[in-house]
Amino acid sequence: MLIFLDIDGVMVPAKSWTRPDLLSDGFAAFSTNATKVLQSLISGDTTVILTTSHKSNYSIEEWKGIFKVRGIIIDKLSCLPANTGNLSRKEEIMNWFGLNKGNERFIIVDDDKSLNDLPAILKDNLIQTSSHIGLTEEHLEIARAMMNR
């Protein structure tokens, strides 16, 4: 199982009227709901692939530490390649699938509206969050249904 995961607007709700709380590692705190939902989705065979614009700011080990401090243990973690061409999130994800053929189940968890234009085969696996709310229990049920198709 693959989980393509954004951070801002998914794990960290974007509230323009307030700055997010930073933890001791200098990264924003995740919402409690999002933390519970993501941890519920992760199993031993799950690989989380970070799609966030922050993906290149930290090494994989640093990212694992960021998640661990927030109560999420991820054994298999990777990132989309650095976005040196200023591609849209849609283009980044489509490029990844173009280079990584396979039949592994996947979900994409993101608030980016450009993903509405994904081809149906990818969009059918999109869980689009509200950037102001982030990942919620409602999304957990949707994700589980997608994972069991």
N, C-alpha and C. Protein backbone atom coordinates (compact mmCIF):
# COMPACT_ATOMS: atom_id res chain seq x y z
N MET A 1 0.85 -1.18 0.00
CA MET A 1 0.00 0.00 0.00
C MET A 1 0.88 1.23 0.00
N LEU A 2 0.56 2.18 -0.87
CA LEU A 2 1.26 3.46 -0.93
C LEU A 2 0.33 4.57 -0.48
N ILE A 3 0.86 5.48 0.32
CA ILE A 3 0.12 6.68 0.71
C ILE A 3 0.95 7.87 0.25
N PHE A 4 0.45 8.60 -0.73
CA PHE A 4 1.08 9.84 -1.16
C PHE A 4 0.55 10.93 -0.24
N LEU A 5 1.45 11.55 0.53
CA LEU A 5 1.03 12.42 1.62
C LEU A 5 1.57 13.83 1.51
N ASP A 6 0.66 14.78 1.54
CA ASP A 6 0.99 16.19 1.67
C ASP A 6 1.02 16.51 3.17
N ILE A 7 1.62 17.62 3.54
CA ILE A 7 1.66 18.02 4.95
C ILE A 7 0.75 19.23 5.19
N ASP A 8 1.07 20.37 4.56
CA ASP A 8 0.26 21.58 4.77
C ASP A 8 -1.13 21.37 4.20
N GLY A 9 -2.15 21.62 5.02
CA GLY A 9 -3.53 21.43 4.59
C GLY A 9 -4.03 20.01 4.78
N VAL A 10 -3.13 19.11 5.19
CA VAL A 10 -3.51 17.73 5.48
C VAL A 10 -3.19 17.40 6.93
N MET A 11 -1.91 17.43 7.25
CA MET A 11 -1.47 17.16 8.63
C MET A 11 -1.46 18.44 9.47
N VAL A 12 -1.21 19.56 8.80
CA VAL A 12 -1.18 20.87 9.46
C VAL A 12 -2.23 21.75 8.79
N PRO A 13 -3.39 21.92 9.41
CA PRO A 13 -4.42 22.78 8.82
C PRO A 13 -3.89 24.19 8.60
N ALA A 14 -4.23 24.77 7.46
CA ALA A 14 -3.77 26.11 7.10
C ALA A 14 -4.78 27.13 7.61
N LYS A 15 -4.44 27.79 8.67
CA LYS A 15 -5.32 28.81 9.24
C LYS A 15 -4.62 30.15 9.10
N SER A 16 -5.06 30.95 8.15
CA SER A 16 -4.38 32.21 7.83
C SER A 16 -4.37 33.19 8.98
N TRP A 17 -5.27 33.04 9.92
CA TRP A 17 -5.36 33.99 11.03
C TRP A 17 -4.40 33.65 12.17
N THR A 18 -3.71 32.51 12.09
CA THR A 18 -2.78 32.14 13.15
C THR A 18 -1.63 31.31 12.59
N ARG A 19 -0.48 31.47 13.19
CA ARG A 19 0.68 30.66 12.80
C ARG A 19 0.58 29.30 13.50
N PRO A 20 1.02 28.24 12.84
CA PRO A 20 0.97 26.93 13.49
C PRO A 20 1.98 26.88 14.64
N ASP A 21 1.65 26.09 15.66
CA ASP A 21 2.58 25.86 16.76
C ASP A 21 3.76 25.06 16.24
N LEU A 22 4.96 25.47 16.63
CA LEU A 22 6.16 24.74 16.24
C LEU A 22 6.61 23.88 17.42
N LEU A 23 7.04 22.67 17.12
CA LEU A 23 7.57 21.79 18.16
C LEU A 23 9.08 22.02 18.28
N SER A 24 9.73 21.30 19.18
CA SER A 24 11.15 21.52 19.47
C SER A 24 12.05 21.32 18.25
N ASP A 25 11.58 20.54 17.27
CA ASP A 25 12.39 20.33 16.06
C ASP A 25 12.22 21.46 15.04
N GLY A 26 11.39 22.46 15.37
CA GLY A 26 11.20 23.60 14.49
C GLY A 26 10.15 23.40 13.42
N PHE A 27 9.52 22.23 13.38
CA PHE A 27 8.48 21.95 12.39
C PHE A 27 7.12 22.07 13.05
N ALA A 28 6.12 22.41 12.26
CA ALA A 28 4.76 22.63 12.78
C ALA A 28 4.18 21.36 13.41
N ALA A 29 3.40 21.56 14.46
CA ALA A 29 2.67 20.46 15.09
C ALA A 29 1.59 19.97 14.14
N PHE A 30 1.35 18.66 14.14
CA PHE A 30 0.27 18.09 13.34
C PHE A 30 -1.02 18.16 14.13
N SER A 31 -2.15 18.21 13.43
CA SER A 31 -3.42 18.19 14.14
C SER A 31 -3.60 16.81 14.78
N THR A 32 -4.24 16.80 15.93
CA THR A 32 -4.48 15.54 16.65
C THR A 32 -5.29 14.57 15.80
N ASN A 33 -6.34 15.08 15.15
CA ASN A 33 -7.17 14.21 14.30
C ASN A 33 -6.37 13.62 13.16
N ALA A 34 -5.59 14.45 12.48
CA ALA A 34 -4.80 13.97 11.35
C ALA A 34 -3.80 12.91 11.79
N THR A 35 -3.19 13.12 12.95
CA THR A 35 -2.23 12.16 13.48
C THR A 35 -2.89 10.81 13.71
N LYS A 36 -4.05 10.80 14.35
CA LYS A 36 -4.76 9.55 14.62
C LYS A 36 -5.15 8.84 13.32
N VAL A 37 -5.66 9.60 12.37
CA VAL A 37 -6.11 9.01 11.10
C VAL A 37 -4.93 8.41 10.34
N LEU A 38 -3.84 9.17 10.21
CA LEU A 38 -2.69 8.65 9.47
C LEU A 38 -2.14 7.40 10.14
N GLN A 39 -1.99 7.43 11.46
CA GLN A 39 -1.46 6.25 12.16
C GLN A 39 -2.37 5.05 11.94
N SER A 40 -3.68 5.27 11.86
CA SER A 40 -4.63 4.17 11.60
C SER A 40 -4.46 3.58 10.21
N LEU A 41 -4.00 4.38 9.27
CA LEU A 41 -3.85 3.92 7.89
C LEU A 41 -2.55 3.16 7.65
N ILE A 42 -1.57 3.38 8.51
CA ILE A 42 -0.25 2.79 8.31
C ILE A 42 -0.21 1.39 8.90
N SER A 43 0.23 0.45 8.06
CA SER A 43 0.45 -0.92 8.52
C SER A 43 1.87 -1.32 8.11
N GLY A 44 2.24 -2.54 8.38
CA GLY A 44 3.59 -3.00 8.09
C GLY A 44 3.99 -2.93 6.64
N ASP A 45 3.03 -3.04 5.74
CA ASP A 45 3.36 -3.02 4.31
C ASP A 45 3.12 -1.66 3.67
N THR A 46 2.89 -0.63 4.46
CA THR A 46 2.60 0.70 3.93
C THR A 46 3.88 1.49 3.69
N THR A 47 3.96 2.10 2.52
CA THR A 47 5.02 3.05 2.22
C THR A 47 4.38 4.42 2.09
N VAL A 48 4.89 5.37 2.85
CA VAL A 48 4.42 6.76 2.76
C VAL A 48 5.39 7.50 1.84
N ILE A 49 4.83 8.15 0.82
CA ILE A 49 5.61 8.94 -0.12
C ILE A 49 5.21 10.40 0.06
N LEU A 50 6.14 11.20 0.54
CA LEU A 50 5.84 12.61 0.79
C LEU A 50 5.76 13.39 -0.51
N THR A 51 4.69 14.16 -0.65
CA THR A 51 4.49 15.01 -1.82
C THR A 51 4.62 16.48 -1.46
N THR A 52 4.72 16.78 -0.18
CA THR A 52 4.75 18.14 0.33
C THR A 52 5.86 18.99 -0.29
N SER A 53 5.62 20.28 -0.36
CA SER A 53 6.66 21.19 -0.85
C SER A 53 7.87 21.22 0.07
N HIS A 54 7.72 20.72 1.29
CA HIS A 54 8.83 20.66 2.26
C HIS A 54 9.70 19.41 2.06
N LYS A 55 9.33 18.54 1.13
CA LYS A 55 9.94 17.21 1.04
C LYS A 55 11.46 17.23 0.92
N SER A 56 12.02 18.21 0.25
CA SER A 56 13.47 18.25 0.03
C SER A 56 14.22 18.99 1.14
N ASN A 57 13.49 19.53 2.10
CA ASN A 57 14.13 20.29 3.18
C ASN A 57 14.77 19.41 4.24
N TYR A 58 14.39 18.13 4.27
CA TYR A 58 14.86 17.21 5.30
C TYR A 58 15.22 15.87 4.66
N SER A 59 16.16 15.16 5.29
CA SER A 59 16.49 13.81 4.84
C SER A 59 15.36 12.86 5.27
N ILE A 60 15.38 11.66 4.73
CA ILE A 60 14.37 10.66 5.12
C ILE A 60 14.44 10.39 6.62
N GLU A 61 15.63 10.27 7.16
CA GLU A 61 15.76 10.03 8.60
C GLU A 61 15.22 11.20 9.42
N GLU A 62 15.46 12.42 8.96
CA GLU A 62 14.91 13.59 9.65
C GLU A 62 13.38 13.57 9.59
N TRP A 63 12.83 13.22 8.42
CA TRP A 63 11.38 13.13 8.30
C TRP A 63 10.83 12.07 9.25
N LYS A 64 11.47 10.93 9.33
CA LYS A 64 11.01 9.88 10.25
C LYS A 64 11.00 10.41 11.68
N GLY A 65 12.01 11.21 12.03
CA GLY A 65 12.07 11.81 13.35
C GLY A 65 10.95 12.81 13.57
N ILE A 66 10.65 13.62 12.55
CA ILE A 66 9.56 14.59 12.64
C ILE A 66 8.24 13.86 12.91
N PHE A 67 7.99 12.80 12.16
CA PHE A 67 6.76 12.03 12.36
C PHE A 67 6.75 11.36 13.74
N LYS A 68 7.88 10.80 14.15
CA LYS A 68 7.95 10.10 15.44
C LYS A 68 7.63 11.03 16.59
N VAL A 69 8.19 12.25 16.58
CA VAL A 69 7.93 13.23 17.64
C VAL A 69 6.44 13.54 17.72
N ARG A 70 5.74 13.40 16.61
CA ARG A 70 4.31 13.70 16.55
C ARG A 70 3.44 12.45 16.74
N GLY A 71 4.08 11.35 17.11
CA GLY A 71 3.33 10.14 17.44
C GLY A 71 3.03 9.21 16.28
N ILE A 72 3.74 9.37 15.17
CA ILE A 72 3.50 8.54 13.99
C ILE A 72 4.79 7.80 13.64
N ILE A 73 4.72 6.49 13.63
CA ILE A 73 5.87 5.67 13.28
C ILE A 73 5.72 5.23 11.83
N ILE A 74 6.69 5.60 11.01
CA ILE A 74 6.69 5.22 9.60
C ILE A 74 8.00 4.50 9.31
N ASP A 75 7.92 3.21 9.01
CA ASP A 75 9.12 2.44 8.69
C ASP A 75 9.57 2.67 7.25
N LYS A 76 8.60 2.69 6.34
CA LYS A 76 8.91 2.85 4.91
C LYS A 76 8.47 4.23 4.46
N LEU A 77 9.45 5.09 4.23
CA LEU A 77 9.17 6.49 3.89
C LEU A 77 10.05 6.91 2.73
N SER A 78 9.47 7.59 1.77
CA SER A 78 10.24 8.17 0.68
C SER A 78 9.58 9.48 0.28
N CYS A 79 10.15 10.13 -0.70
CA CYS A 79 9.63 11.43 -1.17
C CYS A 79 9.59 11.43 -2.69
N LEU A 80 8.69 12.23 -3.23
CA LEU A 80 8.77 12.51 -4.66
C LEU A 80 10.09 13.21 -4.90
N PRO A 81 10.63 13.15 -6.12
CA PRO A 81 11.87 13.87 -6.41
C PRO A 81 11.71 15.38 -6.16
N ALA A 82 12.84 16.03 -5.90
CA ALA A 82 12.83 17.49 -5.71
C ALA A 82 12.17 18.14 -6.92
N ASN A 83 11.37 19.15 -6.66
CA ASN A 83 10.60 19.82 -7.72
C ASN A 83 11.40 20.99 -8.28
N THR A 84 12.46 20.69 -8.99
CA THR A 84 13.32 21.74 -9.53
C THR A 84 12.70 22.44 -10.74
N GLY A 85 11.70 21.83 -11.36
CA GLY A 85 11.06 22.42 -12.53
C GLY A 85 9.79 23.19 -12.21
N ASN A 86 9.53 23.42 -10.91
CA ASN A 86 8.31 24.13 -10.48
C ASN A 86 7.05 23.53 -11.09
N LEU A 87 6.95 22.22 -11.05
CA LEU A 87 5.77 21.52 -11.56
C LEU A 87 4.62 21.65 -10.58
N SER A 88 3.41 21.49 -11.08
CA SER A 88 2.25 21.43 -10.19
C SER A 88 2.29 20.08 -9.48
N ARG A 89 1.57 19.97 -8.39
CA ARG A 89 1.50 18.69 -7.67
C ARG A 89 0.96 17.61 -8.60
N LYS A 90 -0.02 17.95 -9.41
CA LYS A 90 -0.57 17.00 -10.38
C LYS A 90 0.54 16.46 -11.29
N GLU A 91 1.36 17.36 -11.82
CA GLU A 91 2.44 16.94 -12.71
C GLU A 91 3.47 16.08 -11.98
N GLU A 92 3.78 16.45 -10.74
CA GLU A 92 4.74 15.66 -9.96
C GLU A 92 4.24 14.23 -9.77
N ILE A 93 2.97 14.09 -9.40
CA ILE A 93 2.41 12.76 -9.15
C ILE A 93 2.30 11.97 -10.46
N MET A 94 1.87 12.61 -11.52
CA MET A 94 1.78 11.92 -12.80
C MET A 94 3.16 11.46 -13.27
N ASN A 95 4.19 12.28 -13.07
CA ASN A 95 5.55 11.88 -13.43
C ASN A 95 5.98 10.65 -12.63
N TRP A 96 5.66 10.64 -11.33
CA TRP A 96 6.03 9.50 -10.50
C TRP A 96 5.39 8.22 -11.04
N PHE A 97 4.10 8.29 -11.34
CA PHE A 97 3.41 7.10 -11.86
C PHE A 97 3.93 6.73 -13.24
N GLY A 98 4.36 7.70 -14.03
CA GLY A 98 4.94 7.40 -15.33
C GLY A 98 6.24 6.63 -15.23
N LEU A 99 6.99 6.89 -14.17
CA LEU A 99 8.28 6.23 -13.97
C LEU A 99 8.19 4.96 -13.13
N ASN A 100 7.12 4.79 -12.40
CA ASN A 100 6.98 3.68 -11.45
C ASN A 100 5.72 2.88 -11.76
N LYS A 101 5.81 2.09 -12.79
CA LYS A 101 4.67 1.25 -13.15
C LYS A 101 4.50 0.16 -12.10
N GLY A 102 3.29 -0.15 -11.81
CA GLY A 102 3.04 -1.20 -10.83
C GLY A 102 1.55 -1.31 -10.57
N ASN A 103 1.20 -2.33 -9.83
CA ASN A 103 -0.22 -2.52 -9.54
C ASN A 103 -0.47 -2.50 -8.03
N GLU A 104 0.39 -1.81 -7.30
CA GLU A 104 0.21 -1.68 -5.85
C GLU A 104 -0.94 -0.71 -5.57
N ARG A 105 -1.72 -1.04 -4.55
CA ARG A 105 -2.81 -0.14 -4.15
C ARG A 105 -2.22 1.16 -3.61
N PHE A 106 -2.95 2.26 -3.80
CA PHE A 106 -2.45 3.55 -3.34
C PHE A 106 -3.61 4.49 -3.05
N ILE A 107 -3.31 5.48 -2.22
CA ILE A 107 -4.19 6.63 -2.03
C ILE A 107 -3.32 7.88 -2.07
N ILE A 108 -3.93 8.97 -2.47
CA ILE A 108 -3.28 10.28 -2.51
C ILE A 108 -4.05 11.15 -1.53
N VAL A 109 -3.35 11.69 -0.53
CA VAL A 109 -4.00 12.53 0.48
C VAL A 109 -3.41 13.93 0.36
N ASP A 110 -4.22 14.87 -0.11
CA ASP A 110 -3.71 16.20 -0.44
C ASP A 110 -4.85 17.19 -0.48
N ASP A 111 -4.53 18.46 -0.28
CA ASP A 111 -5.54 19.52 -0.41
C ASP A 111 -5.38 20.30 -1.70
N ASP A 112 -4.40 19.96 -2.52
CA ASP A 112 -4.08 20.71 -3.73
C ASP A 112 -5.18 20.54 -4.78
N LYS A 113 -5.77 21.66 -5.19
CA LYS A 113 -6.89 21.62 -6.14
C LYS A 113 -6.46 21.20 -7.55
N SER A 114 -5.16 21.31 -7.88
CA SER A 114 -4.72 20.87 -9.21
C SER A 114 -4.94 19.37 -9.40
N LEU A 115 -5.08 18.64 -8.30
CA LEU A 115 -5.27 17.20 -8.40
C LEU A 115 -6.66 16.82 -8.90
N ASN A 116 -7.57 17.78 -8.94
CA ASN A 116 -8.89 17.52 -9.53
C ASN A 116 -8.78 17.19 -11.01
N ASP A 117 -7.67 17.58 -11.63
CA ASP A 117 -7.47 17.32 -13.05
C ASP A 117 -6.65 16.06 -13.32
N LEU A 118 -6.41 15.26 -12.30
CA LEU A 118 -5.71 13.99 -12.52
C LEU A 118 -6.54 13.08 -13.41
N PRO A 119 -5.90 12.20 -14.16
CA PRO A 119 -6.67 11.20 -14.90
C PRO A 119 -7.49 10.36 -13.92
N ALA A 120 -8.63 9.87 -14.37
CA ALA A 120 -9.57 9.15 -13.49
C ALA A 120 -8.91 8.01 -12.73
N ILE A 121 -8.00 7.29 -13.36
CA ILE A 121 -7.36 6.15 -12.69
C ILE A 121 -6.59 6.58 -11.45
N LEU A 122 -6.10 7.81 -11.43
CA LEU A 122 -5.41 8.35 -10.25
C LEU A 122 -6.39 9.09 -9.34
N LYS A 123 -7.25 9.89 -9.95
CA LYS A 123 -8.18 10.70 -9.16
C LYS A 123 -9.13 9.83 -8.34
N ASP A 124 -9.43 8.64 -8.82
CA ASP A 124 -10.30 7.74 -8.07
C ASP A 124 -9.70 7.33 -6.73
N ASN A 125 -8.41 7.60 -6.54
CA ASN A 125 -7.71 7.27 -5.30
C ASN A 125 -7.30 8.52 -4.52
N LEU A 126 -7.93 9.64 -4.84
CA LEU A 126 -7.61 10.92 -4.20
C LEU A 126 -8.54 11.18 -3.02
N ILE A 127 -7.95 11.48 -1.89
CA ILE A 127 -8.69 11.98 -0.73
C ILE A 127 -8.28 13.44 -0.60
N GLN A 128 -9.19 14.32 -0.98
CA GLN A 128 -8.87 15.75 -0.97
C GLN A 128 -9.40 16.38 0.31
N THR A 129 -8.48 16.91 1.09
CA THR A 129 -8.86 17.53 2.36
C THR A 129 -9.17 19.01 2.16
N SER A 130 -9.88 19.57 3.12
CA SER A 130 -10.05 21.01 3.19
C SER A 130 -8.80 21.56 3.85
N SER A 131 -8.15 22.52 3.21
CA SER A 131 -6.88 23.02 3.75
C SER A 131 -7.02 23.62 5.14
N HIS A 132 -8.20 24.11 5.49
CA HIS A 132 -8.40 24.72 6.80
C HIS A 132 -8.71 23.70 7.90
N ILE A 133 -9.04 22.47 7.49
CA ILE A 133 -9.42 21.43 8.46
C ILE A 133 -8.40 20.30 8.50
N GLY A 134 -7.92 19.88 7.36
CA GLY A 134 -6.96 18.78 7.30
C GLY A 134 -7.63 17.42 7.30
N LEU A 135 -6.84 16.41 7.58
CA LEU A 135 -7.28 15.02 7.55
C LEU A 135 -8.17 14.71 8.77
N THR A 136 -9.32 14.08 8.52
CA THR A 136 -10.30 13.83 9.58
C THR A 136 -10.75 12.36 9.58
N GLU A 137 -11.54 12.02 10.58
CA GLU A 137 -12.12 10.67 10.69
C GLU A 137 -12.95 10.31 9.45
N GLU A 138 -13.66 11.28 8.89
CA GLU A 138 -14.45 11.02 7.68
C GLU A 138 -13.55 10.52 6.56
N HIS A 139 -12.36 11.08 6.46
CA HIS A 139 -11.41 10.65 5.43
C HIS A 139 -10.92 9.23 5.69
N LEU A 140 -10.85 8.84 6.96
CA LEU A 140 -10.40 7.49 7.30
C LEU A 140 -11.32 6.44 6.68
N GLU A 141 -12.60 6.65 6.78
CA GLU A 141 -13.56 5.70 6.21
C GLU A 141 -13.44 5.65 4.69
N ILE A 142 -13.26 6.80 4.07
CA ILE A 142 -13.08 6.85 2.61
C ILE A 142 -11.81 6.11 2.22
N ALA A 143 -10.73 6.36 2.95
CA ALA A 143 -9.45 5.72 2.66
C ALA A 143 -9.55 4.20 2.79
N ARG A 144 -10.18 3.75 3.84
CA ARG A 144 -10.33 2.29 4.04
C ARG A 144 -11.12 1.66 2.90
N ALA A 145 -12.17 2.35 2.46
CA ALA A 145 -12.95 1.84 1.33
C ALA A 145 -12.09 1.76 0.08
N MET A 146 -11.29 2.78 -0.16
CA MET A 146 -10.40 2.78 -1.33
C MET A 146 -9.38 1.65 -1.24
N MET A 147 -8.84 1.44 -0.06
CA MET A 147 -7.81 0.43 0.14
C MET A 147 -8.36 -0.99 -0.03
N ASN A 148 -9.64 -1.16 0.17
CA ASN A 148 -10.26 -2.49 0.08
C ASN A 148 -10.89 -2.77 -1.27
N ARG A 149 -10.70 -1.89 -2.24
CA ARG A 149 -11.27 -2.12 -3.57
C ARG A 149 -10.48 -3.15 -4.32
